[in-house]
Amino acid sequence: MLKRLSVFIIHLYQKYVSAYTPASCRYQPTCSNYMQIAIEQFGFFLGILMGLSRVIRCNPFVKGGYDPVPTYFSVRRNNQIVNNLFLKEKNMSRKQKEIEIKVINDSGDENVRLVQINNQTVGTISENDGKFDVIVGENTFHEKNEEEALHQVIREFNLHQR
């Protein structure tokens, strides 16, 4: 009951408060979405704790960025995805060059994220009913989770670089 009530209150906040104020969250997904997902995945008490720690982290002194709810309980930033965002690209030269991968939500649609590699948009990841659609160039892929979707974009990028 607490779980459903808290999710309902978050929906009211998103619809009647957040919709009429300027966007100020430094993370994607937003802090209210993060708390809602955390409550749904981990229950009321752990979800509230995770959501409140996220709100505390969301301040003018942090860079922000993509920080999805982890698959395990943690009050720290999600390093499952963040650690995978800096990979070594092979076959560029004898010295391996580091590539920078960013996942941003700049499309206006909350469920669509742009994937940028070295500041160039190379694909999109969109979530529909718990499944993730990946579009890279003219190719479309369907993945079961967000991490696999991100890896698919990277694989396609690497194939087109050769």
Protein backbone atom coordinates (compact mmCIF):
# COMPACT_ATOMS: atom_id res chain seq x y z
CA MET A 1 0.00 0.00 0.00
CA LEU A 2 2.81 2.45 0.85
CA LYS A 3 4.47 1.54 -2.42
CA ARG A 4 1.39 2.36 -4.53
CA LEU A 5 0.65 5.51 -2.53
CA SER A 6 4.17 6.84 -2.96
CA VAL A 7 4.16 6.12 -6.71
CA PHE A 8 0.80 7.91 -6.95
CA ILE A 9 2.20 10.95 -5.10
CA ILE A 10 5.19 11.01 -7.46
CA HIS A 11 2.80 10.95 -10.45
CA LEU A 12 0.87 13.89 -8.95
CA TYR A 13 4.14 15.79 -8.45
CA GLN A 14 5.22 15.11 -12.05
CA LYS A 15 1.85 16.13 -13.47
CA TYR A 16 1.01 19.19 -11.38
CA VAL A 17 4.31 20.57 -10.07
CA SER A 18 7.23 19.44 -12.21
CA ALA A 19 5.39 20.02 -15.50
CA TYR A 20 5.02 23.74 -14.69
CA THR A 21 8.53 24.45 -13.39
CA PRO A 22 11.77 24.80 -15.35
CA ALA A 23 13.79 21.59 -15.74
CA SER A 24 16.49 21.55 -13.08
CA CYS A 25 17.47 17.90 -12.63
CA ARG A 26 21.08 17.27 -13.61
CA TYR A 27 20.57 13.54 -14.15
CA GLN A 28 18.71 11.34 -16.58
CA PRO A 29 16.29 9.85 -15.65
CA THR A 30 14.99 12.71 -13.54
CA CYS A 31 15.07 12.38 -9.77
CA SER A 32 11.31 11.79 -9.56
CA ASN A 33 11.48 9.05 -12.23
CA TYR A 34 14.48 7.54 -10.46
CA MET A 35 12.62 7.43 -7.14
CA GLN A 36 9.54 5.91 -8.78
CA ILE A 37 11.59 3.15 -10.45
CA ALA A 38 13.55 2.51 -7.24
CA ILE A 39 10.34 2.17 -5.21
CA GLU A 40 8.86 -0.21 -7.80
CA GLN A 41 12.03 -2.35 -7.87
CA PHE A 42 13.11 -2.32 -4.21
CA GLY A 43 9.96 -1.52 -2.24
CA PHE A 44 8.92 1.55 -0.31
CA PHE A 45 11.68 1.95 2.28
CA LEU A 46 14.73 1.09 0.16
CA GLY A 47 13.27 2.95 -2.84
CA ILE A 48 12.69 6.11 -0.80
CA LEU A 49 16.23 5.85 0.59
CA MET A 50 17.69 5.47 -2.91
CA GLY A 51 15.54 8.33 -4.24
CA LEU A 52 16.46 10.70 -1.42
CA SER A 53 20.16 9.97 -1.88
CA ARG A 54 19.73 10.77 -5.57
CA VAL A 55 18.02 14.09 -4.75
CA ILE A 56 20.94 14.96 -2.46
CA ARG A 57 23.42 14.10 -5.26
CA CYS A 58 21.51 16.34 -7.69
CA ASN A 59 23.07 19.70 -6.87
CA PRO A 60 24.91 22.49 -8.72
CA PHE A 61 28.31 21.03 -7.83
CA VAL A 62 27.93 17.78 -9.81
CA LYS A 63 28.21 17.23 -13.53
CA GLY A 64 25.13 15.00 -13.68
CA GLY A 65 24.51 12.86 -16.74
CA TYR A 66 23.03 9.43 -17.29
CA ASP A 67 22.44 7.59 -14.01
CA PRO A 68 19.80 4.82 -14.22
CA VAL A 69 18.56 2.88 -11.19
CA PRO A 70 20.99 0.00 -10.58
CA THR A 71 19.83 -3.61 -10.45
CA TYR A 72 21.10 -3.83 -6.86
CA PHE A 73 20.43 -1.63 -3.82
CA SER A 74 22.85 1.29 -3.58
CA VAL A 75 22.72 4.91 -2.46
CA ARG A 76 25.65 5.78 -4.74
CA ARG A 77 25.73 6.63 -8.45
CA ASN A 78 25.09 3.67 -10.77
CA ASN A 79 28.50 2.49 -11.90
CA GLN A 80 27.17 -0.52 -13.84
CA ILE A 81 26.60 1.61 -16.94
CA VAL A 82 29.01 4.46 -16.19
CA ASN A 83 32.01 2.11 -16.02
CA ASN A 84 31.09 0.72 -19.45
CA LEU A 85 30.98 4.14 -21.09
CA PHE A 86 34.74 4.48 -21.52
CA LEU A 87 36.04 1.68 -23.69
CA LYS A 88 39.17 1.10 -25.68
CA GLU A 89 38.68 1.04 -29.44
CA LYS A 90 40.93 -1.41 -31.24
CA ASN A 91 42.44 -1.29 -34.74
CA MET A 92 42.74 2.51 -34.92
CA SER A 93 46.53 2.50 -34.71
CA ARG A 94 49.29 0.78 -32.81
CA LYS A 95 48.41 2.97 -29.87
CA GLN A 96 44.91 2.33 -28.63
CA LYS A 97 42.81 5.47 -28.53
CA GLU A 98 40.15 5.97 -25.91
CA ILE A 99 36.66 6.73 -27.17
CA GLU A 100 34.11 8.68 -25.18
CA ILE A 101 30.55 7.40 -25.14
CA LYS A 102 27.67 9.50 -23.83
CA VAL A 103 24.02 8.58 -23.45
CA ILE A 104 21.85 11.69 -23.31
CA ASN A 105 18.19 12.55 -23.38
CA ASP A 106 17.97 15.51 -25.72
CA SER A 107 15.20 14.39 -28.04
CA GLY A 108 12.23 15.81 -26.13
CA ASP A 109 10.88 12.28 -25.58
CA GLU A 110 11.55 10.86 -22.14
CA ASN A 111 11.87 7.29 -23.48
CA VAL A 112 14.40 8.07 -26.23
CA ARG A 113 18.11 8.49 -25.56
CA LEU A 114 20.76 9.59 -28.01
CA VAL A 115 24.07 7.73 -28.03
CA GLN A 116 27.08 9.87 -28.87
CA ILE A 117 30.56 8.55 -29.54
CA ASN A 118 33.29 11.19 -29.59
CA ASN A 119 30.59 13.92 -29.61
CA GLN A 120 28.92 12.51 -32.74
CA THR A 121 25.40 11.07 -32.47
CA VAL A 122 25.56 7.52 -33.83
CA GLY A 123 22.28 5.98 -32.69
CA THR A 124 19.24 6.02 -30.44
CA ILE A 125 17.90 3.76 -27.72
CA SER A 126 14.18 3.86 -26.98
CA GLU A 127 12.23 1.95 -24.35
CA ASN A 128 8.81 0.50 -25.12
CA ASP A 129 7.04 -1.82 -22.69
CA GLY A 130 10.28 -2.90 -21.01
CA LYS A 131 12.04 -3.69 -24.30
CA PHE A 132 14.74 -1.56 -25.85
CA ASP A 133 14.84 -0.64 -29.53
CA VAL A 134 18.19 0.39 -30.97
CA ILE A 135 18.50 2.36 -34.19
CA VAL A 136 21.94 2.82 -35.77
CA GLY A 137 21.87 4.19 -39.29
CA GLU A 138 19.28 2.16 -41.18
CA ASN A 139 19.54 -0.85 -38.85
CA THR A 140 17.07 -1.58 -36.06
CA PHE A 141 17.71 -4.02 -33.20
CA HIS A 142 15.60 -5.19 -30.27
CA GLU A 143 17.34 -5.85 -26.96
CA LYS A 144 16.08 -7.11 -23.61
CA ASN A 145 17.86 -4.55 -21.41
CA GLU A 146 19.48 -1.14 -21.62
CA GLU A 147 23.05 -2.35 -21.21
CA GLU A 148 22.69 -4.77 -24.15
CA ALA A 149 21.18 -1.94 -26.21
CA LEU A 150 24.20 0.26 -25.48
CA HIS A 151 26.57 -2.55 -26.41
CA GLN A 152 24.70 -3.06 -29.69
CA VAL A 153 25.21 0.61 -30.62
CA ILE A 154 28.93 0.26 -29.85
CA ARG A 155 29.22 -2.94 -31.94
CA GLU A 156 27.52 -1.27 -34.91
CA PHE A 157 29.73 1.80 -34.56
CA ASN A 158 32.86 -0.37 -34.53
CA LEU A 159 31.68 -2.33 -37.61
CA HIS A 160 31.19 0.88 -39.59
CA GLN A 161 34.59 2.27 -38.55
CA ARG A 162 36.54 -0.58 -40.16
